[in-house]
PDB file of all heavy atoms in Angstrom:
ATOM      1  N   GLU A   1     -12.331   6.924  10.264  1.00  0.00           N
ATOM      2  CA  GLU A   1     -12.725   5.542  10.509  1.00  0.00           C
ATOM      3  C   GLU A   1     -12.652   4.621   9.167  1.00  0.00           C
ATOM      4  O   GLU A   1     -13.076   3.462   9.286  1.00  0.00           O
ATOM      5  CB  GLU A   1     -14.127   5.537  11.077  1.00  0.00           C
ATOM      6  CG  GLU A   1     -14.281   6.221  12.391  1.00  0.00           C
ATOM      7  CD  GLU A   1     -15.669   6.093  12.938  1.00  0.00           C
ATOM      8  OE1 GLU A   1     -16.626   5.591  12.242  1.00  0.00           O
ATOM      9  OE2 GLU A   1     -15.857   6.565  14.110  1.00  0.00           O
ATOM     10  N   THR A   2     -12.167   5.153   8.142  1.00  0.00           N
ATOM     11  CA  THR A   2     -12.027   4.544   6.889  1.00  0.00           C
ATOM     12  C   THR A   2     -10.460   4.562   6.365  1.00  0.00           C
ATOM     13  O   THR A   2      -9.767   5.491   6.820  1.00  0.00           O
ATOM     14  CB  THR A   2     -12.978   5.000   5.807  1.00  0.00           C
ATOM     15  OG1 THR A   2     -12.784   6.389   5.574  1.00  0.00           O
ATOM     16  CG2 THR A   2     -14.401   4.749   6.207  1.00  0.00           C
ATOM     17  N   ALA A   3     -10.231   3.680   5.540  1.00  0.00           N
ATOM     18  CA  ALA A   3      -8.834   3.785   4.984  1.00  0.00           C
ATOM     19  C   ALA A   3      -8.802   3.123   3.511  1.00  0.00           C
ATOM     20  O   ALA A   3      -9.924   2.772   3.062  1.00  0.00           O
ATOM     21  CB  ALA A   3      -7.908   3.028   5.931  1.00  0.00           C
ATOM     22  N   VAL A   4      -7.668   3.062   2.859  1.00  0.00           N
ATOM     23  CA  VAL A   4      -7.595   2.412   1.637  1.00  0.00           C
ATOM     24  C   VAL A   4      -6.913   1.094   1.768  1.00  0.00           C
ATOM     25  O   VAL A   4      -5.784   1.047   2.288  1.00  0.00           O
ATOM     26  CB  VAL A   4      -6.732   3.242   0.689  1.00  0.00           C
ATOM     27  CG1 VAL A   4      -6.396   2.510  -0.686  1.00  0.00           C
ATOM     28  CG2 VAL A   4      -7.391   4.549   0.334  1.00  0.00           C
ATOM     29  N   ARG A   5      -7.581   0.026   1.460  1.00  0.00           N
ATOM     30  CA  ARG A   5      -7.019  -1.307   1.526  1.00  0.00           C
ATOM     31  C   ARG A   5      -6.291  -1.637   0.242  1.00  0.00           C
ATOM     32  O   ARG A   5      -6.785  -1.495  -0.787  1.00  0.00           O
ATOM     33  CB  ARG A   5      -8.047  -2.382   1.863  1.00  0.00           C
ATOM     34  CG  ARG A   5      -7.458  -3.778   2.055  1.00  0.00           C
ATOM     35  CD  ARG A   5      -8.601  -4.809   2.274  1.00  0.00           C
ATOM     36  NE  ARG A   5      -8.009  -6.084   2.679  1.00  0.00           N
ATOM     37  CZ  ARG A   5      -7.474  -7.038   1.797  1.00  0.00           C
ATOM     38  NH1 ARG A   5      -7.513  -6.749   0.459  1.00  0.00           N
ATOM     39  NH2 ARG A   5      -7.038  -8.137   2.140  1.00  0.00           N
ATOM     40  N   VAL A   6      -5.048  -2.126   0.331  1.00  0.00           N
ATOM     41  CA  VAL A   6      -4.248  -2.385  -0.778  1.00  0.00           C
ATOM     42  C   VAL A   6      -4.604  -3.689  -1.393  1.00  0.00           C
ATOM     43  O   VAL A   6      -4.526  -4.782  -0.772  1.00  0.00           O
ATOM     44  CB  VAL A   6      -2.650  -2.372  -0.469  1.00  0.00           C
ATOM     45  CG1 VAL A   6      -1.916  -2.759  -1.753  1.00  0.00           C
ATOM     46  CG2 VAL A   6      -2.302  -1.037   0.096  1.00  0.00           C
ATOM     47  N   ALA A   7      -5.197  -3.630  -2.606  1.00  0.00           N
ATOM     48  CA  ALA A   7      -5.715  -4.840  -3.328  1.00  0.00           C
ATOM     49  C   ALA A   7      -4.595  -5.603  -3.964  1.00  0.00           C
ATOM     50  O   ALA A   7      -4.541  -6.831  -4.130  1.00  0.00           O
ATOM     51  CB  ALA A   7      -6.787  -4.647  -4.245  1.00  0.00           C
ATOM     52  N   SER A   8      -3.642  -4.759  -4.555  1.00  0.00           N
ATOM     53  CA  SER A   8      -2.474  -5.426  -5.315  1.00  0.00           C
ATOM     54  C   SER A   8      -1.397  -4.355  -5.333  1.00  0.00           C
ATOM     55  O   SER A   8      -1.625  -3.160  -5.307  1.00  0.00           O
ATOM     56  CB  SER A   8      -2.879  -5.870  -6.718  1.00  0.00           C
ATOM     57  OG  SER A   8      -3.296  -4.779  -7.480  1.00  0.00           O
ATOM     58  N   VAL A   9      -0.075  -4.859  -5.459  1.00  0.00           N
ATOM     59  CA  VAL A   9       1.113  -4.030  -5.563  1.00  0.00           C
ATOM     60  C   VAL A   9       1.785  -4.437  -6.807  1.00  0.00           C
ATOM     61  O   VAL A   9       2.170  -5.500  -7.090  1.00  0.00           O
ATOM     62  CB  VAL A   9       1.915  -4.120  -4.327  1.00  0.00           C
ATOM     63  CG1 VAL A   9       3.198  -3.188  -4.409  1.00  0.00           C
ATOM     64  CG2 VAL A   9       1.154  -3.872  -3.056  1.00  0.00           C
ATOM     65  N   GLU A  10       2.037  -3.387  -7.658  1.00  0.00           N
ATOM     66  CA  GLU A  10       2.755  -3.708  -8.916  1.00  0.00           C
ATOM     67  C   GLU A  10       4.216  -3.887  -8.638  1.00  0.00           C
ATOM     68  O   GLU A  10       4.841  -3.323  -7.835  1.00  0.00           O
ATOM     69  CB  GLU A  10       2.648  -2.524  -9.946  1.00  0.00           C
ATOM     70  CG  GLU A  10       1.165  -2.340 -10.382  1.00  0.00           C
ATOM     71  CD  GLU A  10       1.103  -1.181 -11.329  1.00  0.00           C
ATOM     72  OE1 GLU A  10       2.119  -0.876 -12.038  1.00  0.00           O
ATOM     73  OE2 GLU A  10       0.013  -0.705 -11.601  1.00  0.00           O
ATOM     74  N   ALA A  11       4.847  -4.943  -9.324  1.00  0.00           N
ATOM     75  CA  ALA A  11       6.190  -5.283  -9.138  1.00  0.00           C
ATOM     76  C   ALA A  11       7.153  -4.112  -9.496  1.00  0.00           C
ATOM     77  O   ALA A  11       6.883  -3.317 -10.392  1.00  0.00           O
ATOM     78  CB  ALA A  11       6.517  -6.468  -9.938  1.00  0.00           C
ATOM     79  N   ASN A  12       8.162  -3.897  -8.738  1.00  0.00           N
ATOM     80  CA  ASN A  12       9.152  -2.835  -8.874  1.00  0.00           C
ATOM     81  C   ASN A  12       8.642  -1.460  -8.825  1.00  0.00           C
ATOM     82  O   ASN A  12       9.260  -0.508  -9.279  1.00  0.00           O
ATOM     83  CB  ASN A  12       9.923  -3.076 -10.227  1.00  0.00           C
ATOM     84  CG  ASN A  12      10.649  -4.427 -10.196  1.00  0.00           C
ATOM     85  OD1 ASN A  12      11.296  -4.794  -9.202  1.00  0.00           O
ATOM     86  ND2 ASN A  12      10.510  -5.078 -11.310  1.00  0.00           N
ATOM     87  N   SER A  13       7.387  -1.255  -8.311  1.00  0.00           N
ATOM     88  CA  SER A  13       6.804  -0.033  -8.130  1.00  0.00           C
ATOM     89  C   SER A  13       7.375   0.698  -6.879  1.00  0.00           C
ATOM     90  O   SER A  13       7.916   0.063  -6.018  1.00  0.00           O
ATOM     91  CB  SER A  13       5.286   0.008  -8.046  1.00  0.00           C
ATOM     92  OG  SER A  13       4.936  -0.671  -6.777  1.00  0.00           O
ATOM     93  N   PRO A  14       7.078   1.965  -6.723  1.00  0.00           N
ATOM     94  CA  PRO A  14       7.631   2.720  -5.552  1.00  0.00           C
ATOM     95  C   PRO A  14       7.038   1.999  -4.237  1.00  0.00           C
ATOM     96  O   PRO A  14       7.739   1.938  -3.210  1.00  0.00           O
ATOM     97  CB  PRO A  14       7.062   4.072  -5.635  1.00  0.00           C
ATOM     98  CG  PRO A  14       7.035   4.406  -7.114  1.00  0.00           C
ATOM     99  CD  PRO A  14       6.723   2.985  -7.747  1.00  0.00           C
ATOM    100  N   ALA A  15       5.716   1.627  -4.338  1.00  0.00           N
ATOM    101  CA  ALA A  15       5.078   0.932  -3.130  1.00  0.00           C
ATOM    102  C   ALA A  15       5.739  -0.405  -2.829  1.00  0.00           C
ATOM    103  O   ALA A  15       6.080  -0.670  -1.667  1.00  0.00           O
ATOM    104  CB  ALA A  15       3.603   0.746  -3.356  1.00  0.00           C
ATOM    105  N   ALA A  16       6.086  -1.195  -3.895  1.00  0.00           N
ATOM    106  CA  ALA A  16       6.710  -2.463  -3.580  1.00  0.00           C
ATOM    107  C   ALA A  16       8.112  -2.248  -3.133  1.00  0.00           C
ATOM    108  O   ALA A  16       8.578  -3.005  -2.186  1.00  0.00           O
ATOM    109  CB  ALA A  16       6.713  -3.205  -5.029  1.00  0.00           C
ATOM    110  N   LEU A  17       8.860  -1.341  -3.667  1.00  0.00           N
ATOM    111  CA  LEU A  17      10.229  -1.097  -3.174  1.00  0.00           C
ATOM    112  C   LEU A  17      10.309  -0.483  -1.766  1.00  0.00           C
ATOM    113  O   LEU A  17      11.280  -0.739  -1.080  1.00  0.00           O
ATOM    114  CB  LEU A  17      10.946  -0.046  -4.133  1.00  0.00           C
ATOM    115  CG  LEU A  17      11.192  -0.538  -5.600  1.00  0.00           C
ATOM    116  CD1 LEU A  17      11.784   0.614  -6.461  1.00  0.00           C
ATOM    117  CD2 LEU A  17      12.092  -1.780  -5.574  1.00  0.00           C
ATOM    118  N   GLY A  18       9.199   0.115  -1.400  1.00  0.00           N
ATOM    119  CA  GLY A  18       8.964   0.704  -0.014  1.00  0.00           C
ATOM    120  C   GLY A  18       8.566  -0.293   0.986  1.00  0.00           C
ATOM    121  O   GLY A  18       8.562  -0.001   2.205  1.00  0.00           O
ATOM    122  N   GLY A  19       8.102  -1.513   0.522  1.00  0.00           N
ATOM    123  CA  GLY A  19       7.693  -2.521   1.442  1.00  0.00           C
ATOM    124  C   GLY A  19       6.265  -2.672   1.606  1.00  0.00           C
ATOM    125  O   GLY A  19       5.806  -3.363   2.591  1.00  0.00           O
ATOM    126  N   VAL A  20       5.386  -1.926   0.883  1.00  0.00           N
ATOM    127  CA  VAL A  20       3.945  -1.980   1.032  1.00  0.00           C
ATOM    128  C   VAL A  20       3.439  -3.455   0.501  1.00  0.00           C
ATOM    129  O   VAL A  20       3.988  -3.859  -0.569  1.00  0.00           O
ATOM    130  CB  VAL A  20       3.246  -0.947   0.251  1.00  0.00           C
ATOM    131  CG1 VAL A  20       1.738  -1.020   0.297  1.00  0.00           C
ATOM    132  CG2 VAL A  20       3.676   0.447   0.735  1.00  0.00           C
ATOM    133  N   ARG A  21       2.575  -4.046   1.219  1.00  0.00           N
ATOM    134  CA  ARG A  21       2.122  -5.378   0.824  1.00  0.00           C
ATOM    135  C   ARG A  21       0.595  -5.367   0.585  1.00  0.00           C
ATOM    136  O   ARG A  21      -0.216  -4.504   1.054  1.00  0.00           O
ATOM    137  CB  ARG A  21       2.396  -6.405   1.945  1.00  0.00           C
ATOM    138  CG  ARG A  21       3.800  -6.476   2.361  1.00  0.00           C
ATOM    139  CD  ARG A  21       3.994  -7.417   3.499  1.00  0.00           C
ATOM    140  NE  ARG A  21       5.413  -7.479   3.885  1.00  0.00           N
ATOM    141  CZ  ARG A  21       5.748  -8.222   4.996  1.00  0.00           C
ATOM    142  NH1 ARG A  21       4.921  -8.795   5.822  1.00  0.00           N
ATOM    143  NH2 ARG A  21       7.068  -8.135   5.460  1.00  0.00           N
ATOM    144  N   GLU A  22       0.184  -6.402  -0.160  1.00  0.00           N
ATOM    145  CA  GLU A  22      -1.353  -6.560  -0.424  1.00  0.00           C
ATOM    146  C   GLU A  22      -1.963  -6.771   1.007  1.00  0.00           C
ATOM    147  O   GLU A  22      -1.481  -7.527   1.825  1.00  0.00           O
ATOM    148  CB  GLU A  22      -1.490  -7.733  -1.264  1.00  0.00           C
ATOM    149  CG  GLU A  22      -2.929  -8.037  -1.578  1.00  0.00           C
ATOM    150  CD  GLU A  22      -3.118  -9.247  -2.464  1.00  0.00           C
ATOM    151  OE1 GLU A  22      -2.239  -9.502  -3.330  1.00  0.00           O
ATOM    152  OE2 GLU A  22      -4.184  -9.901  -2.433  1.00  0.00           O
ATOM    153  N   GLY A  23      -3.003  -6.156   1.219  1.00  0.00           N
ATOM    154  CA  GLY A  23      -3.807  -6.303   2.549  1.00  0.00           C
ATOM    155  C   GLY A  23      -3.507  -5.169   3.489  1.00  0.00           C
ATOM    156  O   GLY A  23      -4.296  -4.937   4.408  1.00  0.00           O
ATOM    157  N   ASP A  24      -2.463  -4.378   3.305  1.00  0.00           N
ATOM    158  CA  ASP A  24      -2.143  -3.235   4.053  1.00  0.00           C
ATOM    159  C   ASP A  24      -3.270  -2.314   3.984  1.00  0.00           C
ATOM    160  O   ASP A  24      -3.821  -2.059   2.796  1.00  0.00           O
ATOM    161  CB  ASP A  24      -0.803  -2.510   3.709  1.00  0.00           C
ATOM    162  CG  ASP A  24       0.338  -3.380   4.083  1.00  0.00           C
ATOM    163  OD1 ASP A  24       0.236  -4.274   4.898  1.00  0.00           O
ATOM    164  OD2 ASP A  24       1.489  -3.146   3.544  1.00  0.00           O
ATOM    165  N   GLN A  25      -3.518  -1.519   5.072  1.00  0.00           N
ATOM    166  CA  GLN A  25      -4.518  -0.475   4.980  1.00  0.00           C
ATOM    167  C   GLN A  25      -3.967   0.930   5.266  1.00  0.00           C
ATOM    168  O   GLN A  25      -3.399   1.180   6.357  1.00  0.00           O
ATOM    169  CB  GLN A  25      -5.649  -0.762   6.042  1.00  0.00           C
ATOM    170  CG  GLN A  25      -6.298  -2.093   5.857  1.00  0.00           C
ATOM    171  CD  GLN A  25      -7.231  -2.508   6.910  1.00  0.00           C
ATOM    172  OE1 GLN A  25      -8.411  -2.216   6.828  1.00  0.00           O
ATOM    173  NE2 GLN A  25      -6.729  -3.049   7.969  1.00  0.00           N
ATOM    174  N   ILE A  26      -3.905   1.760   4.204  1.00  0.00           N
ATOM    175  CA  ILE A  26      -3.235   3.031   4.237  1.00  0.00           C
ATOM    176  C   ILE A  26      -4.078   4.032   4.999  1.00  0.00           C
ATOM    177  O   ILE A  26      -5.267   4.243   4.612  1.00  0.00           O
ATOM    178  CB  ILE A  26      -2.921   3.490   2.855  1.00  0.00           C
ATOM    179  CG1 ILE A  26      -2.022   2.513   2.086  1.00  0.00           C
ATOM    180  CG2 ILE A  26      -2.243   4.910   2.800  1.00  0.00           C
ATOM    181  CD1 ILE A  26      -1.791   2.740   0.730  1.00  0.00           C
ATOM    182  N   VAL A  27      -3.574   4.673   6.041  1.00  0.00           N
ATOM    183  CA  VAL A  27      -4.292   5.700   6.844  1.00  0.00           C
ATOM    184  C   VAL A  27      -3.689   7.117   6.681  1.00  0.00           C
ATOM    185  O   VAL A  27      -4.366   8.118   6.978  1.00  0.00           O
ATOM    186  CB  VAL A  27      -4.332   5.271   8.302  1.00  0.00           C
ATOM    187  CG1 VAL A  27      -5.143   3.934   8.443  1.00  0.00           C
ATOM    188  CG2 VAL A  27      -2.986   5.107   8.903  1.00  0.00           C
ATOM    189  N   ARG A  28      -2.386   7.204   6.318  1.00  0.00           N
ATOM    190  CA  ARG A  28      -1.776   8.510   6.147  1.00  0.00           C
ATOM    191  C   ARG A  28      -0.838   8.481   4.880  1.00  0.00           C
ATOM    192  O   ARG A  28      -0.149   7.433   4.773  1.00  0.00           O
ATOM    193  CB  ARG A  28      -1.049   9.003   7.381  1.00  0.00           C
ATOM    194  CG  ARG A  28      -1.990   9.421   8.550  1.00  0.00           C
ATOM    195  CD  ARG A  28      -1.132  10.043   9.619  1.00  0.00           C
ATOM    196  NE  ARG A  28      -2.017  10.534  10.776  1.00  0.00           N
ATOM    197  CZ  ARG A  28      -2.131   9.709  11.842  1.00  0.00           C
ATOM    198  NH1 ARG A  28      -1.631   8.559  11.791  1.00  0.00           N
ATOM    199  NH2 ARG A  28      -2.884  10.098  12.730  1.00  0.00           N
ATOM    200  N   LEU A  29      -0.631   9.567   4.297  1.00  0.00           N
ATOM    201  CA  LEU A  29       0.425   9.863   3.371  1.00  0.00           C
ATOM    202  C   LEU A  29       1.081  11.106   3.736  1.00  0.00           C
ATOM    203  O   LEU A  29       0.573  12.143   3.716  1.00  0.00           O
ATOM    204  CB  LEU A  29      -0.180   9.970   1.954  1.00  0.00           C
ATOM    205  CG  LEU A  29       0.932  10.073   0.791  1.00  0.00           C
ATOM    206  CD1 LEU A  29       1.599   8.793   0.629  1.00  0.00           C
ATOM    207  CD2 LEU A  29       0.274  10.563  -0.538  1.00  0.00           C
ATOM    208  N   GLY A  30       2.355  11.016   4.171  1.00  0.00           N
ATOM    209  CA  GLY A  30       2.951  12.115   4.891  1.00  0.00           C
ATOM    210  C   GLY A  30       2.158  12.450   6.153  1.00  0.00           C
ATOM    211  O   GLY A  30       1.947  11.540   6.996  1.00  0.00           O
TER     212      GLY A  30
END
């Protein structure tokens, strides 16, 4: 019932290159 809310994404990072945005809520990794 909880997740990780993305507060910021570093430029040119793996998350940024993969399309992750500020405000996204991560519920699974793999």
